[in-house]
């Protein structure tokens, strides 16, 4: 979870229109791909995977990449989380 409680992490369709870096894996059936290493898993991703919303784009990170980059992921959280 990357949003404070009560906040929505879903961008509206108009917010994402024309975004060439968009990850549609969360809205279409099929494999989910790690945004860092390219590992794939079935939909929905395992609970050990991390989901991050960056500039309105939902990105998933496999367990290995999430563990390796945990400090960077936590560093992007708003101060309300602390």
PDB file of N, CA and C in Angstrom:
ATOM      1  N   UNK A   1       0.853  -1.174   0.000  1.00  0.00           N
ATOM      2  CA  UNK A   1       0.000   0.000   0.000  1.00  0.00           C
ATOM      3  C   UNK A   1       0.893   1.229   0.000  1.00  0.00           C
ATOM      4  N   UNK A   2       0.634   2.131  -0.903  1.00  0.00           N
ATOM      5  CA  UNK A   2       1.495   3.300  -1.000  1.00  0.00           C
ATOM      6  C   UNK A   2       0.745   4.601  -0.777  1.00  0.00           C
ATOM      7  N   UNK A   3      -0.521   4.548  -0.363  1.00  0.00           N
ATOM      8  CA  UNK A   3      -1.304   5.752  -0.114  1.00  0.00           C
ATOM      9  C   UNK A   3      -1.716   5.794   1.342  1.00  0.00           C
ATOM     10  N   UNK A   4      -1.842   6.979   1.906  1.00  0.00           N
ATOM     11  CA  UNK A   4      -2.329   7.080   3.271  1.00  0.00           C
ATOM     12  C   UNK A   4      -3.744   6.526   3.352  1.00  0.00           C
ATOM     13  N   UNK A   5      -4.163   6.012   4.510  1.00  0.00           N
ATOM     14  CA  UNK A   5      -5.511   5.487   4.652  1.00  0.00           C
ATOM     15  C   UNK A   5      -6.540   6.521   4.211  1.00  0.00           C
ATOM     16  N   UNK A   6      -7.535   6.064   3.484  1.00  0.00           N
ATOM     17  CA  UNK A   6      -8.599   6.949   3.028  1.00  0.00           C
ATOM     18  C   UNK A   6      -8.302   7.624   1.705  1.00  0.00           C
ATOM     19  N   UNK A   7      -7.080   7.587   1.238  1.00  0.00           N
ATOM     20  CA  UNK A   7      -6.732   8.218  -0.037  1.00  0.00           C
ATOM     21  C   UNK A   7      -6.812   7.181  -1.137  1.00  0.00           C
ATOM     22  N   UNK A   8      -7.184   7.601  -2.308  1.00  0.00           N
ATOM     23  CA  UNK A   8      -7.288   6.689  -3.433  1.00  0.00           C
ATOM     24  C   UNK A   8      -5.975   6.656  -4.188  1.00  0.00           C
ATOM     25  N   UNK A   9      -5.546   5.440  -4.580  1.00  0.00           N
ATOM     26  CA  UNK A   9      -4.317   5.323  -5.365  1.00  0.00           C
ATOM     27  C   UNK A   9      -4.623   5.055  -6.828  1.00  0.00           C
ATOM     28  N   UNK A  10      -5.880   5.209  -7.228  1.00  0.00           N
ATOM     29  CA  UNK A  10      -6.266   4.954  -8.603  1.00  0.00           C
ATOM     30  C   UNK A  10      -6.452   6.269  -9.334  1.00  0.00           C
ATOM     31  N   UNK A  11      -5.715   6.421 -10.417  1.00  0.00           N
ATOM     32  CA  UNK A  11      -5.856   7.616 -11.242  1.00  0.00           C
ATOM     33  C   UNK A  11      -7.039   7.419 -12.164  1.00  0.00           C
ATOM     34  N   UNK A  12      -7.735   8.493 -12.473  1.00  0.00           N
ATOM     35  CA  UNK A  12      -8.850   8.421 -13.398  1.00  0.00           C
ATOM     36  C   UNK A  12      -8.353   8.127 -14.793  1.00  0.00           C
ATOM     37  N   UNK A  13      -9.251   7.634 -15.631  1.00  0.00           N
ATOM     38  CA  UNK A  13      -8.872   7.276 -16.998  1.00  0.00           C
ATOM     39  C   UNK A  13      -8.305   8.477 -17.735  1.00  0.00           C
ATOM     40  N   UNK A  14      -8.848   9.666 -17.469  1.00  0.00           N
ATOM     41  CA  UNK A  14      -8.343  10.854 -18.158  1.00  0.00           C
ATOM     42  C   UNK A  14      -6.953  11.233 -17.676  1.00  0.00           C
ATOM     43  N   UNK A  15      -6.606  10.868 -16.426  1.00  0.00           N
ATOM     44  CA  UNK A  15      -5.271  11.163 -15.904  1.00  0.00           C
ATOM     45  C   UNK A  15      -4.216  10.303 -16.582  1.00  0.00           C
ATOM     46  N   UNK A  16      -4.619   9.107 -17.042  1.00  0.00           N
ATOM     47  CA  UNK A  16      -3.651   8.189 -17.609  1.00  0.00           C
ATOM     48  C   UNK A  16      -3.677   8.162 -19.125  1.00  0.00           C
ATOM     49  N   UNK A  17      -4.603   8.835 -19.748  1.00  0.00           N
ATOM     50  CA  UNK A  17      -4.705   8.802 -21.205  1.00  0.00           C
ATOM     51  C   UNK A  17      -3.436   9.356 -21.835  1.00  0.00           C
ATOM     52  N   UNK A  18      -2.893   8.608 -22.773  1.00  0.00           N
ATOM     53  CA  UNK A  18      -1.708   9.068 -23.481  1.00  0.00           C
ATOM     54  C   UNK A  18      -0.416   8.848 -22.728  1.00  0.00           C
ATOM     55  N   UNK A  19      -0.454   8.161 -21.595  1.00  0.00           N
ATOM     56  CA  UNK A  19       0.753   7.906 -20.819  1.00  0.00           C
ATOM     57  C   UNK A  19       1.456   6.690 -21.402  1.00  0.00           C
ATOM     58  N   UNK A  20       2.556   6.884 -22.088  1.00  0.00           N
ATOM     59  CA  UNK A  20       3.259   5.804 -22.745  1.00  0.00           C
ATOM     60  C   UNK A  20       3.927   4.846 -21.787  1.00  0.00           C
ATOM     61  N   UNK A  21       4.088   5.206 -20.514  1.00  0.00           N
ATOM     62  CA  UNK A  21       4.757   4.370 -19.535  1.00  0.00           C
ATOM     63  C   UNK A  21       3.744   3.633 -18.666  1.00  0.00           C
ATOM     64  N   UNK A  22       2.518   3.520 -19.137  1.00  0.00           N
ATOM     65  CA  UNK A  22       1.434   2.953 -18.359  1.00  0.00           C
ATOM     66  C   UNK A  22       1.568   1.441 -18.246  1.00  0.00           C
ATOM     67  N   UNK A  23       1.288   0.883 -17.059  1.00  0.00           N
ATOM     68  CA  UNK A  23       1.299  -0.553 -16.821  1.00  0.00           C
ATOM     69  C   UNK A  23      -0.134  -1.014 -16.700  1.00  0.00           C
ATOM     70  N   UNK A  24      -0.655  -1.681 -17.719  1.00  0.00           N
ATOM     71  CA  UNK A  24      -2.042  -2.135 -17.733  1.00  0.00           C
ATOM     72  C   UNK A  24      -2.221  -3.495 -17.094  1.00  0.00           C
ATOM     73  N   UNK A  25      -1.182  -4.071 -16.497  1.00  0.00           N
ATOM     74  CA  UNK A  25      -1.273  -5.429 -15.988  1.00  0.00           C
ATOM     75  C   UNK A  25      -2.306  -5.570 -14.885  1.00  0.00           C
ATOM     76  N   UNK A  26      -2.646  -4.489 -14.167  1.00  0.00           N
ATOM     77  CA  UNK A  26      -3.612  -4.599 -13.096  1.00  0.00           C
ATOM     78  C   UNK A  26      -5.036  -4.594 -13.612  1.00  0.00           C
ATOM     79  N   UNK A  27      -5.289  -4.163 -14.844  1.00  0.00           N
ATOM     80  CA  UNK A  27      -6.646  -4.091 -15.357  1.00  0.00           C
ATOM     81  C   UNK A  27      -6.953  -5.172 -16.377  1.00  0.00           C
ATOM     82  N   UNK A  28      -5.967  -5.877 -16.861  1.00  0.00           N
ATOM     83  CA  UNK A  28      -6.173  -6.915 -17.850  1.00  0.00           C
ATOM     84  C   UNK A  28      -5.697  -8.248 -17.287  1.00  0.00           C
ATOM     85  N   UNK A  29      -6.429  -9.339 -17.605  1.00  0.00           N
ATOM     86  CA  UNK A  29      -5.945 -10.641 -17.173  1.00  0.00           C
ATOM     87  C   UNK A  29      -4.625 -10.961 -17.857  1.00  0.00           C
ATOM     88  N   UNK A  30      -3.812 -11.716 -17.193  1.00  0.00           N
ATOM     89  CA  UNK A  30      -2.520 -12.077 -17.752  1.00  0.00           C
ATOM     90  C   UNK A  30      -1.443 -11.903 -16.713  1.00  0.00           C
ATOM     91  N   UNK A  31      -0.198 -12.106 -17.116  1.00  0.00           N
ATOM     92  CA  UNK A  31       0.887 -12.023 -16.142  1.00  0.00           C
ATOM     93  C   UNK A  31       1.146 -10.589 -15.678  1.00  0.00           C
ATOM     94  N   UNK A  32       1.637 -10.490 -14.460  1.00  0.00           N
ATOM     95  CA  UNK A  32       2.081  -9.217 -13.900  1.00  0.00           C
ATOM     96  C   UNK A  32       3.595  -9.233 -13.978  1.00  0.00           C
ATOM     97  N   UNK A  33       4.196  -8.133 -14.422  1.00  0.00           N
ATOM     98  CA  UNK A  33       5.637  -8.061 -14.622  1.00  0.00           C
ATOM     99  C   UNK A  33       6.280  -7.131 -13.606  1.00  0.00           C
ATOM    100  N   UNK A  34       7.399  -7.563 -13.024  1.00  0.00           N
ATOM    101  CA  UNK A  34       8.156  -6.726 -12.096  1.00  0.00           C
ATOM    102  C   UNK A  34       8.721  -5.540 -12.874  1.00  0.00           C
ATOM    103  N   UNK A  35       8.490  -4.334 -12.385  1.00  0.00           N
ATOM    104  CA  UNK A  35       8.938  -3.119 -13.064  1.00  0.00           C
ATOM    105  C   UNK A  35      10.454  -2.962 -13.023  1.00  0.00           C
ATOM    106  N   UNK A  36      11.136  -3.714 -12.180  1.00  0.00           N
ATOM    107  CA  UNK A  36      12.587  -3.575 -12.070  1.00  0.00           C
ATOM    108  C   UNK A  36      13.342  -4.673 -12.827  1.00  0.00           C
ATOM    109  N   UNK A  37      13.015  -5.936 -12.581  1.00  0.00           N
ATOM    110  CA  UNK A  37      13.800  -7.027 -13.178  1.00  0.00           C
ATOM    111  C   UNK A  37      13.091  -7.768 -14.293  1.00  0.00           C
ATOM    112  N   UNK A  38      11.784  -7.557 -14.449  1.00  0.00           N
ATOM    113  CA  UNK A  38      11.045  -8.214 -15.519  1.00  0.00           C
ATOM    114  C   UNK A  38      10.485  -9.575 -15.172  1.00  0.00           C
ATOM    115  N   UNK A  39      10.637 -10.030 -13.931  1.00  0.00           N
ATOM    116  CA  UNK A  39      10.059 -11.315 -13.521  1.00  0.00           C
ATOM    117  C   UNK A  39       8.551 -11.252 -13.693  1.00  0.00           C
ATOM    118  N   UNK A  40       7.924 -12.393 -14.026  1.00  0.00           N
ATOM    119  CA  UNK A  40       6.488 -12.414 -14.238  1.00  0.00           C
ATOM    120  C   UNK A  40       5.815 -13.393 -13.301  1.00  0.00           C
ATOM    121  N   UNK A  41       4.551 -13.097 -12.966  1.00  0.00           N
ATOM    122  CA  UNK A  41       3.726 -13.966 -12.140  1.00  0.00           C
ATOM    123  C   UNK A  41       2.295 -13.849 -12.632  1.00  0.00           C
ATOM    124  N   UNK A  42       1.475 -14.786 -12.233  1.00  0.00           N
ATOM    125  CA  UNK A  42       0.070 -14.779 -12.644  1.00  0.00           C
ATOM    126  C   UNK A  42      -0.692 -13.670 -11.936  1.00  0.00           C
ATOM    127  N   UNK A  43      -1.821 -13.299 -12.488  1.00  0.00           N
ATOM    128  CA  UNK A  43      -2.709 -12.280 -11.926  1.00  0.00           C
ATOM    129  C   UNK A  43      -3.587 -12.958 -10.893  1.00  0.00           C
ATOM    130  N   UNK A  44      -3.841 -12.510  -9.726  1.00  0.00           N
ATOM    131  CA  UNK A  44      -3.215 -11.364  -9.082  1.00  0.00           C
ATOM    132  C   UNK A  44      -1.828 -11.728  -8.568  1.00  0.00           C
ATOM    133  N   UNK A  45      -0.969 -10.733  -8.384  1.00  0.00           N
ATOM    134  CA  UNK A  45       0.384 -11.025  -7.903  1.00  0.00           C
ATOM    135  C   UNK A  45       0.347 -11.563  -6.473  1.00  0.00           C
ATOM    136  N   UNK A  46       1.348 -12.346  -6.087  1.00  0.00           N
ATOM    137  CA  UNK A  46       1.417 -12.868  -4.714  1.00  0.00           C
ATOM    138  C   UNK A  46       1.494 -11.733  -3.697  1.00  0.00           C
ATOM    139  N   UNK A  47       1.098 -12.015  -2.475  1.00  0.00           N
ATOM    140  CA  UNK A  47       1.122 -10.996  -1.427  1.00  0.00           C
ATOM    141  C   UNK A  47       2.535 -10.552  -1.095  1.00  0.00           C
ATOM    142  N   UNK A  48       3.529 -11.311  -1.522  1.00  0.00           N
ATOM    143  CA  UNK A  48       4.923 -10.935  -1.263  1.00  0.00           C
ATOM    144  C   UNK A  48       5.425  -9.878  -2.242  1.00  0.00           C
ATOM    145  N   UNK A  49       4.667  -9.610  -3.304  1.00  0.00           N
ATOM    146  CA  UNK A  49       5.035  -8.567  -4.259  1.00  0.00           C
ATOM    147  C   UNK A  49       4.567  -7.216  -3.729  1.00  0.00           C
ATOM    148  N   UNK A  50       5.265  -6.152  -4.111  1.00  0.00           N
ATOM    149  CA  UNK A  50       4.939  -4.794  -3.685  1.00  0.00           C
ATOM    150  C   UNK A  50       4.316  -4.035  -4.840  1.00  0.00           C
ATOM    151  N   UNK A  51       3.287  -3.259  -4.526  1.00  0.00           N
ATOM    152  CA  UNK A  51       2.648  -2.413  -5.531  1.00  0.00           C
ATOM    153  C   UNK A  51       2.939  -0.958  -5.185  1.00  0.00           C
ATOM    154  N   UNK A  52       3.362  -0.207  -6.168  1.00  0.00           N
ATOM    155  CA  UNK A  52       3.678   1.203  -5.978  1.00  0.00           C
ATOM    156  C   UNK A  52       2.972   2.006  -7.070  1.00  0.00           C
ATOM    157  N   UNK A  53       2.418   3.150  -6.706  1.00  0.00           N
ATOM    158  CA  UNK A  53       1.812   4.036  -7.700  1.00  0.00           C
ATOM    159  C   UNK A  53       2.740   5.225  -7.864  1.00  0.00           C
ATOM    160  N   UNK A  54       3.321   5.340  -9.041  1.00  0.00           N
ATOM    161  CA  UNK A  54       4.280   6.395  -9.334  1.00  0.00           C
ATOM    162  C   UNK A  54       3.766   7.227 -10.489  1.00  0.00           C
ATOM    163  N   UNK A  55       3.497   8.493 -10.234  1.00  0.00           N
ATOM    164  CA  UNK A  55       2.963   9.414 -11.239  1.00  0.00           C
ATOM    165  C   UNK A  55       1.686   8.858 -11.861  1.00  0.00           C
ATOM    166  N   UNK A  56       0.829   8.246 -11.021  1.00  0.00           N
ATOM    167  CA  UNK A  56      -0.439   7.714 -11.482  1.00  0.00           C
ATOM    168  C   UNK A  56      -0.360   6.371 -12.172  1.00  0.00           C
ATOM    169  N   UNK A  57       0.811   5.767 -12.207  1.00  0.00           N
ATOM    170  CA  UNK A  57       0.991   4.477 -12.860  1.00  0.00           C
ATOM    171  C   UNK A  57       1.260   3.414 -11.796  1.00  0.00           C
ATOM    172  N   UNK A  58       0.468   2.341 -11.826  1.00  0.00           N
ATOM    173  CA  UNK A  58       0.646   1.248 -10.875  1.00  0.00           C
ATOM    174  C   UNK A  58       1.801   0.367 -11.343  1.00  0.00           C
ATOM    175  N   UNK A  59       2.780   0.146 -10.453  1.00  0.00           N
ATOM    176  CA  UNK A  59       3.938  -0.685 -10.774  1.00  0.00           C
ATOM    177  C   UNK A  59       4.061  -1.762  -9.708  1.00  0.00           C
ATOM    178  N   UNK A  60       4.431  -2.942 -10.143  1.00  0.00           N
ATOM    179  CA  UNK A  60       4.620  -4.063  -9.227  1.00  0.00           C
ATOM    180  C   UNK A  60       6.094  -4.421  -9.172  1.00  0.00           C
ATOM    181  N   UNK A  61       6.550  -4.847  -7.975  1.00  0.00           N
ATOM    182  CA  UNK A  61       7.930  -5.261  -7.767  1.00  0.00           C
ATOM    183  C   UNK A  61       7.925  -6.630  -7.104  1.00  0.00           C
ATOM    184  N   UNK A  62       8.714  -7.554  -7.657  1.00  0.00           N
ATOM    185  CA  UNK A  62       8.786  -8.907  -7.095  1.00  0.00           C
ATOM    186  C   UNK A  62       9.404  -8.843  -5.693  1.00  0.00           C
ATOM    187  N   UNK A  63       9.310  -9.954  -4.999  1.00  0.00           N
ATOM    188  CA  UNK A  63       9.806  -9.998  -3.619  1.00  0.00           C
ATOM    189  C   UNK A  63      11.295  -9.658  -3.537  1.00  0.00           C
ATOM    190  N   UNK A  64      12.095 -10.193  -4.446  1.00  0.00           N
ATOM    191  CA  UNK A  64      13.546  -9.943  -4.407  1.00  0.00           C
ATOM    192  C   UNK A  64      13.857  -8.467  -4.631  1.00  0.00           C
ATOM    193  N   UNK A  65      13.230  -7.857  -5.627  1.00  0.00           N
ATOM    194  CA  UNK A  65      13.490  -6.433  -5.913  1.00  0.00           C
ATOM    195  C   UNK A  65      12.958  -5.549  -4.785  1.00  0.00           C
ATOM    196  N   UNK A  66      11.805  -5.898  -4.224  1.00  0.00           N
ATOM    197  CA  UNK A  66      11.251  -5.117  -3.123  1.00  0.00           C
ATOM    198  C   UNK A  66      12.184  -5.155  -1.919  1.00  0.00           C
ATOM    199  N   UNK A  67      12.708  -6.338  -1.611  1.00  0.00           N
ATOM    200  CA  UNK A  67      13.640  -6.452  -0.476  1.00  0.00           C
ATOM    201  C   UNK A  67      14.924  -5.682  -0.729  1.00  0.00           C
ATOM    202  N   UNK A  68      15.451  -5.785  -1.942  1.00  0.00           N
ATOM    203  CA  UNK A  68      16.700  -5.095  -2.277  1.00  0.00           C
ATOM    204  C   UNK A  68      16.560  -3.575  -2.260  1.00  0.00           C
ATOM    205  N   UNK A  69      15.367  -3.064  -2.478  1.00  0.00           N
ATOM    206  CA  UNK A  69      15.159  -1.623  -2.616  1.00  0.00           C
ATOM    207  C   UNK A  69      14.168  -1.068  -1.598  1.00  0.00           C
ATOM    208  N   UNK A  70      14.033  -1.720  -0.465  1.00  0.00           N
ATOM    209  CA  UNK A  70      13.055  -1.323   0.542  1.00  0.00           C
ATOM    210  C   UNK A  70      13.250   0.115   1.024  1.00  0.00           C
ATOM    211  N   UNK A  71      14.479   0.535   1.254  1.00  0.00           N
ATOM    212  CA  UNK A  71      14.714   1.912   1.723  1.00  0.00           C
ATOM    213  C   UNK A  71      14.247   2.945   0.714  1.00  0.00           C
ATOM    214  N   UNK A  72      14.490   2.707  -0.552  1.00  0.00           N
ATOM    215  CA  UNK A  72      14.055   3.645  -1.589  1.00  0.00           C
ATOM    216  C   UNK A  72      12.534   3.686  -1.662  1.00  0.00           C
ATOM    217  N   UNK A  73      11.896   2.525  -1.513  1.00  0.00           N
ATOM    218  CA  UNK A  73      10.432   2.474  -1.547  1.00  0.00           C
ATOM    219  C   UNK A  73       9.854   3.235  -0.360  1.00  0.00           C
ATOM    220  N   UNK A  74      10.366   2.989   0.840  1.00  0.00           N
ATOM    221  CA  UNK A  74       9.880   3.679   2.031  1.00  0.00           C
ATOM    222  C   UNK A  74      10.157   5.171   1.964  1.00  0.00           C
ATOM    223  N   UNK A  75      11.250   5.561   1.327  1.00  0.00           N
ATOM    224  CA  UNK A  75      11.606   6.972   1.224  1.00  0.00           C
ATOM    225  C   UNK A  75      10.628   7.786   0.408  1.00  0.00           C
ATOM    226  N   UNK A  76       9.828   7.115  -0.431  1.00  0.00           N
ATOM    227  CA  UNK A  76       8.839   7.837  -1.233  1.00  0.00           C
ATOM    228  C   UNK A  76       7.511   8.027  -0.516  1.00  0.00           C
ATOM    229  N   UNK A  77       7.353   7.428   0.663  1.00  0.00           N
ATOM    230  CA  UNK A  77       6.094   7.551   1.392  1.00  0.00           C
ATOM    231  C   UNK A  77       5.932   8.971   1.933  1.00  0.00           C
ATOM    232  N   UNK A  78       4.703   9.460   1.930  1.00  0.00           N
ATOM    233  CA  UNK A  78       4.400  10.769   2.496  1.00  0.00           C
ATOM    234  C   UNK A  78       4.638  10.740   3.999  1.00  0.00           C
ATOM    235  N   UNK A  79       4.867  11.902   4.586  1.00  0.00           N
ATOM    236  CA  UNK A  79       5.161  11.987   6.015  1.00  0.00           C
ATOM    237  C   UNK A  79       4.006  11.500   6.878  1.00  0.00           C
ATOM    238  N   UNK A  80       2.781  11.465   6.340  1.00  0.00           N
ATOM    239  CA  UNK A  80       1.628  10.969   7.108  1.00  0.00           C
ATOM    240  C   UNK A  80       1.814   9.504   7.535  1.00  0.00           C
ATOM    241  N   UNK A  81       2.643   8.773   6.775  1.00  0.00           N
ATOM    242  CA  UNK A  81       2.884   7.377   7.103  1.00  0.00           C
ATOM    243  C   UNK A  81       3.815   7.225   8.295  1.00  0.00           C
ATOM    244  N   UNK A  82       4.554   8.235   8.631  1.00  0.00           N
ATOM    245  CA  UNK A  82       5.503   8.139   9.727  1.00  0.00           C
ATOM    246  C   UNK A  82       4.890   8.716  10.950  1.00  0.00           C
TER     247      UNK A  82
END
